Structures are given as structure tokens and as C-alpha cells.
Amino acid sequence: MKLKLKQLFGAGVFGTGWANAGICILLAVGVFLSNEIYTLLNHGPAVLNLITPIDTALPVVPIFVIPYVSLNPFVYATLILFLLFRTKVFQSACLAVITVMMISYGFYFFAQSEVIRPVLLGTDLFTRMIRDVYAGDNPFNCFPSLHTSVSTILAIHWWRTDRRVGIPVAIWTALIVASTVLIKQHYIADLIFGLALAFGLCWLYMRLLLRKA
């Protein structure tokens, strides 16, 4: 039993030494503090509105609010599992998430963007959930999409760690990304740049930390 536990947790925070655990704690705090900055920037005035004819043509698909609101539990569950079982993957993912947040905040501060939301009149559960999303999040901080970049960063790290988990996670992440435009929280441009940031930062930090993992 002890051998199995050692094999299971050997690459996690309980099996890689105090110094490595300290680095993980600092990165976890960094993710938390970086996330707190979002609210401070979530206001106008906006200088960018990147709507395109494609955005105008896309309908609101209320059921997509489910993957949209799943981002936070997805982030927490992923980072906890990486912390317990793969600290190097945890560190790479945290660094990528912190960096993408800082880059995004630069845009939100110097080139704030907005999305024009539709008036939703439906009374079904999913439409009410979208209205709750709107009520809790001002229509700013749009370009690039953090929903897109953060979920994609975690999906790429799952794909790198275990394809059996990576495949369903990638499918769910695709739904999260699609949800950003299908509940009218973002425009296509926000999504595209969020994806570009995610792939670029994953390439950088995986190359630095996971080449031998």
C-alpha cells in the first residue's frame, strides 16, 4: 500500500520536497491574486468594440451557459489534481495562467473593450442563468477572452499529462470557448486572440518545465 501511495503521489506536492512545495504555494497565491485584479478593471470607458458580421449573425444559444459557468470549478479541480499528482505540470499551468492574466489586464487597462449584449426576454432556466451572468459581470474586459485562454491552457496541460483525460477535457473546453460567443459575452476576435495566447504560453512554459517530465 505504501509503495502504491508513493507511486501515486511521488510527483505531487507531498512527494517532491519542501522547496518544490513552497514554489507551488507561491504560484497558487499568484493565481488567486491575479484573478482578484479582474474586478478592479471591469469598467469603462471602452475604446474597442470588435464586433463583426459573424458575431451579429451568431444566435444566443442559452444552454451554452452551462459550459460557460463551469470554468471556475474546472480551474479549481484541475489545479488541485495537478498539485497533488504532478507539481511540474501545476507550475507550468499556473505560470501560463498568471502570464495570460497579466497580458489581458494590460489590454483591459490601456485598450478596454466592450461587448453589446442582447436583451433577453425568455423565462427558461438557461436564459435566466445568462441574465445572472450579465448581472455579475460588466460588459467589459472582453479582448482577449480569459474564459478562452485559461480553459485552453488547462486543456493543453491535461493533453500533455494524460490523453485519456485530455480528450474529454478538450471537448469540454471547446464548449467553453464556443460558449463565450454563443451567450454573447465575447466576440470572435476575443476568442481568437485568447487561443493564440494560450497556445503560445503553453509552448513556452512546457518547453521550460516539462521537457523532461
C-alpha atoms as a PDB file:
ATOM      1  CA  MET A   1       0.000   0.000   0.000  1.00  0.00           C
ATOM      2  CA  LYS A   2       2.798   2.435   0.915  1.00  0.00           C
ATOM      3  CA  LEU A   3       4.547   1.715  -2.375  1.00  0.00           C
ATOM      4  CA  LYS A   4       1.348   2.382  -4.335  1.00  0.00           C
ATOM      5  CA  LEU A   5       0.774   5.656  -2.484  1.00  0.00           C
ATOM      6  CA  LYS A   6       4.367   6.690  -3.109  1.00  0.00           C
ATOM      7  CA  GLN A   7       3.992   5.929  -6.798  1.00  0.00           C
ATOM      8  CA  LEU A   8       0.679   7.798  -6.924  1.00  0.00           C
ATOM      9  CA  PHE A   9       1.779  10.925  -5.055  1.00  0.00           C
ATOM     10  CA  GLY A  10       5.513  10.781  -5.768  1.00  0.00           C
ATOM     11  CA  ALA A  11       5.404  13.537  -8.381  1.00  0.00           C
ATOM     12  CA  GLY A  12       2.911  15.585  -6.389  1.00  0.00           C
ATOM     13  CA  VAL A  13       3.311  18.232  -3.739  1.00  0.00           C
ATOM     14  CA  PHE A  14       3.698  15.629  -0.947  1.00  0.00           C
ATOM     15  CA  GLY A  15       6.481  13.775  -2.697  1.00  0.00           C
ATOM     16  CA  THR A  16       8.761  16.401  -4.191  1.00  0.00           C
ATOM     17  CA  GLY A  17      10.235  18.187  -1.173  1.00  0.00           C
ATOM     18  CA  TRP A  18       9.627  21.365   0.788  1.00  0.00           C
ATOM     19  CA  ALA A  19      11.309  23.686  -1.706  1.00  0.00           C
ATOM     20  CA  ASN A  20       9.099  22.493  -4.536  1.00  0.00           C
ATOM     21  CA  ALA A  21       6.037  22.719  -2.279  1.00  0.00           C
ATOM     22  CA  GLY A  22       6.956  26.312  -1.452  1.00  0.00           C
ATOM     23  CA  ILE A  23       7.145  27.203  -5.135  1.00  0.00           C
ATOM     24  CA  CYS A  24       3.712  25.641  -5.663  1.00  0.00           C
ATOM     25  CA  ILE A  25       2.216  27.617  -2.786  1.00  0.00           C
ATOM     26  CA  LEU A  26       3.622  30.874  -4.154  1.00  0.00           C
ATOM     27  CA  LEU A  27       2.200  30.118  -7.592  1.00  0.00           C
ATOM     28  CA  ALA A  28      -1.202  29.223  -6.142  1.00  0.00           C
ATOM     29  CA  VAL A  29      -1.252  32.561  -4.304  1.00  0.00           C
ATOM     30  CA  GLY A  30      -0.164  34.243  -7.532  1.00  0.00           C
ATOM     31  CA  VAL A  31      -3.111  32.746  -9.429  1.00  0.00           C
ATOM     32  CA  PHE A  32      -5.524  33.831  -6.698  1.00  0.00           C
ATOM     33  CA  LEU A  33      -4.212  37.398  -6.507  1.00  0.00           C
ATOM     34  CA  SER A  34      -4.065  37.731 -10.288  1.00  0.00           C
ATOM     35  CA  ASN A  35      -7.700  36.683 -10.515  1.00  0.00           C
ATOM     36  CA  GLU A  36      -8.680  39.361  -7.987  1.00  0.00           C
ATOM     37  CA  ILE A  37      -7.408  42.109 -10.291  1.00  0.00           C
ATOM     38  CA  TYR A  38     -10.127  41.311 -12.850  1.00  0.00           C
ATOM     39  CA  THR A  39     -12.885  43.108 -10.937  1.00  0.00           C
ATOM     40  CA  LEU A  40     -10.787  46.237 -10.499  1.00  0.00           C
ATOM     41  CA  LEU A  41     -10.557  46.644 -14.293  1.00  0.00           C
ATOM     42  CA  ASN A  42     -14.098  45.591 -15.180  1.00  0.00           C
ATOM     43  CA  HIS A  43     -15.413  49.061 -16.051  1.00  0.00           C
ATOM     44  CA  GLY A  44     -15.412  51.556 -18.897  1.00  0.00           C
ATOM     45  CA  PRO A  45     -14.815  53.604 -20.795  1.00  0.00           C
ATOM     46  CA  ALA A  46     -14.196  51.199 -23.640  1.00  0.00           C
ATOM     47  CA  VAL A  47     -12.058  52.163 -26.614  1.00  0.00           C
ATOM     48  CA  LEU A  48     -12.513  48.914 -28.567  1.00  0.00           C
ATOM     49  CA  ASN A  49     -15.592  47.236 -29.972  1.00  0.00           C
ATOM     50  CA  LEU A  50     -14.529  44.348 -32.193  1.00  0.00           C
ATOM     51  CA  ILE A  51     -17.921  43.152 -33.390  1.00  0.00           C
ATOM     52  CA  THR A  52     -18.008  41.577 -36.863  1.00  0.00           C
ATOM     53  CA  PRO A  53     -20.852  40.431 -39.130  1.00  0.00           C
ATOM     54  CA  ILE A  54     -20.210  36.886 -37.901  1.00  0.00           C
ATOM     55  CA  ASP A  55     -20.800  37.987 -34.322  1.00  0.00           C
ATOM     56  CA  THR A  56     -24.025  39.675 -35.350  1.00  0.00           C
ATOM     57  CA  ALA A  57     -25.201  36.541 -37.159  1.00  0.00           C
ATOM     58  CA  LEU A  58     -24.484  34.173 -34.287  1.00  0.00           C
ATOM     59  CA  PRO A  59     -27.599  33.391 -32.227  1.00  0.00           C
ATOM     60  CA  VAL A  60     -27.853  33.220 -28.469  1.00  0.00           C
ATOM     61  CA  VAL A  61     -27.885  29.543 -27.518  1.00  0.00           C
ATOM     62  CA  PRO A  62     -28.967  29.547 -23.873  1.00  0.00           C
ATOM     63  CA  ILE A  63     -27.851  26.015 -22.998  1.00  0.00           C
ATOM     64  CA  PHE A  64     -24.242  27.096 -23.597  1.00  0.00           C
ATOM     65  CA  VAL A  65     -24.385  28.968 -20.306  1.00  0.00           C
ATOM     66  CA  ILE A  66     -23.651  25.595 -18.673  1.00  0.00           C
ATOM     67  CA  PRO A  67     -20.117  25.228 -20.040  1.00  0.00           C
ATOM     68  CA  TYR A  68     -19.600  28.974 -19.555  1.00  0.00           C
ATOM     69  CA  VAL A  69     -20.253  28.870 -15.812  1.00  0.00           C
ATOM     70  CA  SER A  70     -18.274  25.634 -15.441  1.00  0.00           C
ATOM     71  CA  LEU A  71     -14.948  27.444 -15.840  1.00  0.00           C
ATOM     72  CA  ASN A  72     -14.275  28.102 -12.144  1.00  0.00           C
ATOM     73  CA  PRO A  73     -14.861  24.522 -10.932  1.00  0.00           C
ATOM     74  CA  PHE A  74     -12.858  23.289 -13.935  1.00  0.00           C
ATOM     75  CA  VAL A  75      -9.939  25.528 -12.928  1.00  0.00           C
ATOM     76  CA  TYR A  76     -10.064  24.574  -9.242  1.00  0.00           C
ATOM     77  CA  ALA A  77     -10.374  20.837  -9.867  1.00  0.00           C
ATOM     78  CA  THR A  78      -7.587  20.824 -12.457  1.00  0.00           C
ATOM     79  CA  LEU A  79      -5.103  22.791 -10.392  1.00  0.00           C
ATOM     80  CA  ILE A  80      -5.782  20.720  -7.262  1.00  0.00           C
ATOM     81  CA  LEU A  81      -5.243  17.472  -9.173  1.00  0.00           C
ATOM     82  CA  PHE A  82      -2.057  18.758 -10.796  1.00  0.00           C
ATOM     83  CA  LEU A  83      -0.824  19.931  -7.385  1.00  0.00           C
ATOM     84  CA  LEU A  84      -1.437  16.532  -5.813  1.00  0.00           C
ATOM     85  CA  PHE A  85      -0.033  14.391  -8.610  1.00  0.00           C
ATOM     86  CA  ARG A  86       2.138  16.460 -10.989  1.00  0.00           C
ATOM     87  CA  THR A  87       3.735  19.554  -9.474  1.00  0.00           C
ATOM     88  CA  LYS A  88       5.735  20.413 -12.593  1.00  0.00           C
ATOM     89  CA  VAL A  89       2.532  20.415 -14.625  1.00  0.00           C
ATOM     90  CA  PHE A  90       0.896  22.507 -11.882  1.00  0.00           C
ATOM     91  CA  GLN A  91       3.740  25.027 -12.026  1.00  0.00           C
ATOM     92  CA  SER A  92       3.656  25.242 -15.809  1.00  0.00           C
ATOM     93  CA  ALA A  93      -0.127  25.712 -15.838  1.00  0.00           C
ATOM     94  CA  CYS A  94      -0.027  28.347 -13.084  1.00  0.00           C
ATOM     95  CA  LEU A  95       2.714  30.327 -14.801  1.00  0.00           C
ATOM     96  CA  ALA A  96       0.788  30.266 -18.070  1.00  0.00           C
ATOM     97  CA  VAL A  97      -2.449  31.339 -16.341  1.00  0.00           C
ATOM     98  CA  ILE A  98      -0.759  34.175 -14.417  1.00  0.00           C
ATOM     99  CA  THR A  99       1.001  35.395 -17.546  1.00  0.00           C
ATOM    100  CA  VAL A 100      -2.135  35.326 -19.691  1.00  0.00           C
ATOM    101  CA  MET A 101      -3.982  37.263 -17.000  1.00  0.00           C
ATOM    102  CA  MET A 102      -1.280  39.931 -16.842  1.00  0.00           C
ATOM    103  CA  ILE A 103      -1.214  40.307 -20.627  1.00  0.00           C
ATOM    104  CA  SER A 104      -5.005  40.511 -20.725  1.00  0.00           C
ATOM    105  CA  TYR A 105      -5.071  43.078 -17.933  1.00  0.00           C
ATOM    106  CA  GLY A 106      -2.709  45.220 -19.972  1.00  0.00           C
ATOM    107  CA  PHE A 107      -5.338  45.313 -22.712  1.00  0.00           C
ATOM    108  CA  TYR A 108      -8.156  45.908 -20.238  1.00  0.00           C
ATOM    109  CA  PHE A 109      -6.289  48.879 -18.746  1.00  0.00           C
ATOM    110  CA  PHE A 110      -4.865  50.520 -21.868  1.00  0.00           C
ATOM    111  CA  ALA A 111      -7.341  49.398 -24.559  1.00  0.00           C
ATOM    112  CA  GLN A 112     -10.553  48.466 -22.773  1.00  0.00           C
ATOM    113  CA  SER A 113     -13.084  46.581 -24.875  1.00  0.00           C
ATOM    114  CA  GLU A 114     -16.803  46.002 -24.620  1.00  0.00           C
ATOM    115  CA  VAL A 115     -19.479  43.690 -25.943  1.00  0.00           C
ATOM    116  CA  ILE A 116     -23.005  44.791 -26.768  1.00  0.00           C
ATOM    117  CA  ARG A 117     -25.316  42.323 -25.074  1.00  0.00           C
ATOM    118  CA  PRO A 118     -28.798  41.481 -26.332  1.00  0.00           C
ATOM    119  CA  VAL A 119     -31.936  41.977 -24.274  1.00  0.00           C
ATOM    120  CA  LEU A 120     -33.047  38.505 -23.235  1.00  0.00           C
ATOM    121  CA  LEU A 121     -36.764  38.072 -22.679  1.00  0.00           C
ATOM    122  CA  GLY A 122     -37.009  34.319 -22.167  1.00  0.00           C
ATOM    123  CA  THR A 123     -38.081  32.862 -18.838  1.00  0.00           C
ATOM    124  CA  ASP A 124     -36.485  29.405 -19.163  1.00  0.00           C
ATOM    125  CA  LEU A 125     -33.784  28.309 -16.728  1.00  0.00           C
ATOM    126  CA  PHE A 126     -30.828  28.776 -19.102  1.00  0.00           C
ATOM    127  CA  THR A 127     -31.888  32.263 -20.169  1.00  0.00           C
ATOM    128  CA  ARG A 128     -32.267  33.260 -16.537  1.00  0.00           C
ATOM    129  CA  MET A 129     -28.763  31.914 -15.905  1.00  0.00           C
ATOM    130  CA  ILE A 130     -27.395  34.088 -18.723  1.00  0.00           C
ATOM    131  CA  ARG A 131     -29.045  37.124 -17.179  1.00  0.00           C
ATOM    132  CA  ASP A 132     -27.357  36.219 -13.896  1.00  0.00           C
ATOM    133  CA  VAL A 133     -24.008  36.073 -15.711  1.00  0.00           C
ATOM    134  CA  TYR A 134     -24.672  39.519 -17.168  1.00  0.00           C
ATOM    135  CA  ALA A 135     -25.645  40.878 -13.744  1.00  0.00           C
ATOM    136  CA  GLY A 136     -22.419  39.641 -12.168  1.00  0.00           C
ATOM    137  CA  ASP A 137     -20.022  40.731 -14.908  1.00  0.00           C
ATOM    138  CA  ASN A 138     -19.923  44.130 -16.590  1.00  0.00           C
ATOM    139  CA  PRO A 139     -19.741  44.087 -20.427  1.00  0.00           C
ATOM    140  CA  PHE A 140     -16.035  44.990 -20.413  1.00  0.00           C
ATOM    141  CA  ASN A 141     -12.721  43.077 -20.119  1.00  0.00           C
ATOM    142  CA  CYS A 142     -13.508  41.333 -23.400  1.00  0.00           C
ATOM    143  CA  PHE A 143     -10.351  41.312 -25.533  1.00  0.00           C
ATOM    144  CA  PRO A 144      -8.750  38.839 -25.118  1.00  0.00           C
ATOM    145  CA  SER A 145     -11.173  36.309 -23.648  1.00  0.00           C
ATOM    146  CA  LEU A 146      -9.874  34.897 -20.358  1.00  0.00           C
ATOM    147  CA  HIS A 147     -12.530  32.170 -20.447  1.00  0.00           C
ATOM    148  CA  THR A 148     -10.954  31.044 -23.714  1.00  0.00           C
ATOM    149  CA  SER A 149      -7.297  31.364 -22.762  1.00  0.00           C
ATOM    150  CA  VAL A 150      -7.485  29.911 -19.242  1.00  0.00           C
ATOM    151  CA  SER A 151      -9.625  26.906 -20.199  1.00  0.00           C
ATOM    152  CA  THR A 152      -7.393  26.199 -23.197  1.00  0.00           C
ATOM    153  CA  ILE A 153      -4.232  26.381 -21.079  1.00  0.00           C
ATOM    154  CA  LEU A 154      -5.639  23.775 -18.708  1.00  0.00           C
ATOM    155  CA  ALA A 155      -6.831  21.554 -21.574  1.00  0.00           C
ATOM    156  CA  ILE A 156      -3.392  21.617 -23.192  1.00  0.00           C
ATOM    157  CA  HIS A 157      -1.786  20.618 -19.892  1.00  0.00           C
ATOM    158  CA  TRP A 158      -4.254  17.765 -19.471  1.00  0.00           C
ATOM    159  CA  TRP A 159      -3.485  16.637 -23.015  1.00  0.00           C
ATOM    160  CA  ARG A 160       0.233  16.683 -22.187  1.00  0.00           C
ATOM    161  CA  THR A 161      -0.309  14.763 -18.934  1.00  0.00           C
ATOM    162  CA  ASP A 162      -2.848  12.050 -19.798  1.00  0.00           C
ATOM    163  CA  ARG A 163      -4.617  11.672 -23.134  1.00  0.00           C
ATOM    164  CA  ARG A 164      -7.378   9.564 -21.559  1.00  0.00           C
ATOM    165  CA  VAL A 165      -8.399  12.621 -19.572  1.00  0.00           C
ATOM    166  CA  GLY A 166      -7.161  15.099 -22.160  1.00  0.00           C
ATOM    167  CA  ILE A 167      -9.631  14.072 -24.860  1.00  0.00           C
ATOM    168  CA  PRO A 168     -12.869  14.654 -22.864  1.00  0.00           C
ATOM    169  CA  VAL A 169     -11.345  17.783 -21.324  1.00  0.00           C
ATOM    170  CA  ALA A 170     -10.514  19.106 -24.790  1.00  0.00           C
ATOM    171  CA  ILE A 171     -14.103  18.513 -25.900  1.00  0.00           C
ATOM    172  CA  TRP A 172     -15.494  20.309 -22.854  1.00  0.00           C
ATOM    173  CA  THR A 173     -13.020  23.157 -23.332  1.00  0.00           C
ATOM    174  CA  ALA A 174     -14.229  23.546 -26.917  1.00  0.00           C
ATOM    175  CA  LEU A 175     -17.722  24.014 -25.488  1.00  0.00           C
ATOM    176  CA  ILE A 176     -16.449  26.616 -23.028  1.00  0.00           C
ATOM    177  CA  VAL A 177     -14.738  28.505 -25.840  1.00  0.00           C
ATOM    178  CA  ALA A 178     -17.859  28.336 -28.019  1.00  0.00           C
ATOM    179  CA  SER A 179     -19.985  29.498 -25.107  1.00  0.00           C
ATOM    180  CA  THR A 180     -18.164  32.827 -24.932  1.00  0.00           C
ATOM    181  CA  VAL A 181     -19.749  33.905 -28.222  1.00  0.00           C
ATOM    182  CA  LEU A 182     -22.967  31.889 -28.004  1.00  0.00           C
ATOM    183  CA  ILE A 183     -24.141  33.633 -24.842  1.00  0.00           C
ATOM    184  CA  LYS A 184     -22.812  36.978 -26.150  1.00  0.00           C
ATOM    185  CA  GLN A 185     -20.087  37.532 -23.583  1.00  0.00           C
ATOM    186  CA  HIS A 186     -17.373  37.917 -26.212  1.00  0.00           C
ATOM    187  CA  TYR A 187     -16.730  38.465 -29.892  1.00  0.00           C
ATOM    188  CA  ILE A 188     -14.843  36.223 -32.305  1.00  0.00           C
ATOM    189  CA  ALA A 189     -11.733  38.414 -32.087  1.00  0.00           C
ATOM    190  CA  ASP A 190     -11.615  37.954 -28.307  1.00  0.00           C
ATOM    191  CA  LEU A 191     -11.757  34.193 -28.753  1.00  0.00           C
ATOM    192  CA  ILE A 192      -9.057  34.042 -31.446  1.00  0.00           C
ATOM    193  CA  PHE A 193      -6.541  36.121 -29.511  1.00  0.00           C
ATOM    194  CA  GLY A 194      -7.291  34.177 -26.330  1.00  0.00           C
ATOM    195  CA  LEU A 195      -6.478  30.938 -28.153  1.00  0.00           C
ATOM    196  CA  ALA A 196      -3.264  32.389 -29.581  1.00  0.00           C
ATOM    197  CA  LEU A 197      -2.097  33.468 -26.126  1.00  0.00           C
ATOM    198  CA  ALA A 198      -2.928  30.088 -24.606  1.00  0.00           C
ATOM    199  CA  PHE A 199      -1.031  28.068 -27.190  1.00  0.00           C
ATOM    200  CA  GLY A 200       1.946  30.433 -27.177  1.00  0.00           C
ATOM    201  CA  LEU A 201       2.313  30.472 -23.400  1.00  0.00           C
ATOM    202  CA  CYS A 202       1.843  26.714 -23.092  1.00  0.00           C
ATOM    203  CA  TRP A 203       4.576  26.181 -25.643  1.00  0.00           C
ATOM    204  CA  LEU A 204       6.886  28.468 -23.640  1.00  0.00           C
ATOM    205  CA  TYR A 205       6.330  27.073 -20.153  1.00  0.00           C
ATOM    206  CA  MET A 206       6.063  23.444 -21.184  1.00  0.00           C
ATOM    207  CA  ARG A 207       9.350  23.828 -23.000  1.00  0.00           C
ATOM    208  CA  LEU A 208      10.921  25.287 -19.878  1.00  0.00           C
ATOM    209  CA  LEU A 209       9.445  22.948 -17.247  1.00  0.00           C
ATOM    210  CA  LEU A 210       8.089  19.790 -18.823  1.00  0.00           C
ATOM    211  CA  ARG A 211      10.606  18.800 -21.462  1.00  0.00           C
ATOM    212  CA  LYS A 212      11.980  16.066 -19.200  1.00  0.00           C
ATOM    213  CA  ALA A 213       8.772  15.368 -17.294  1.00  0.00           C
END
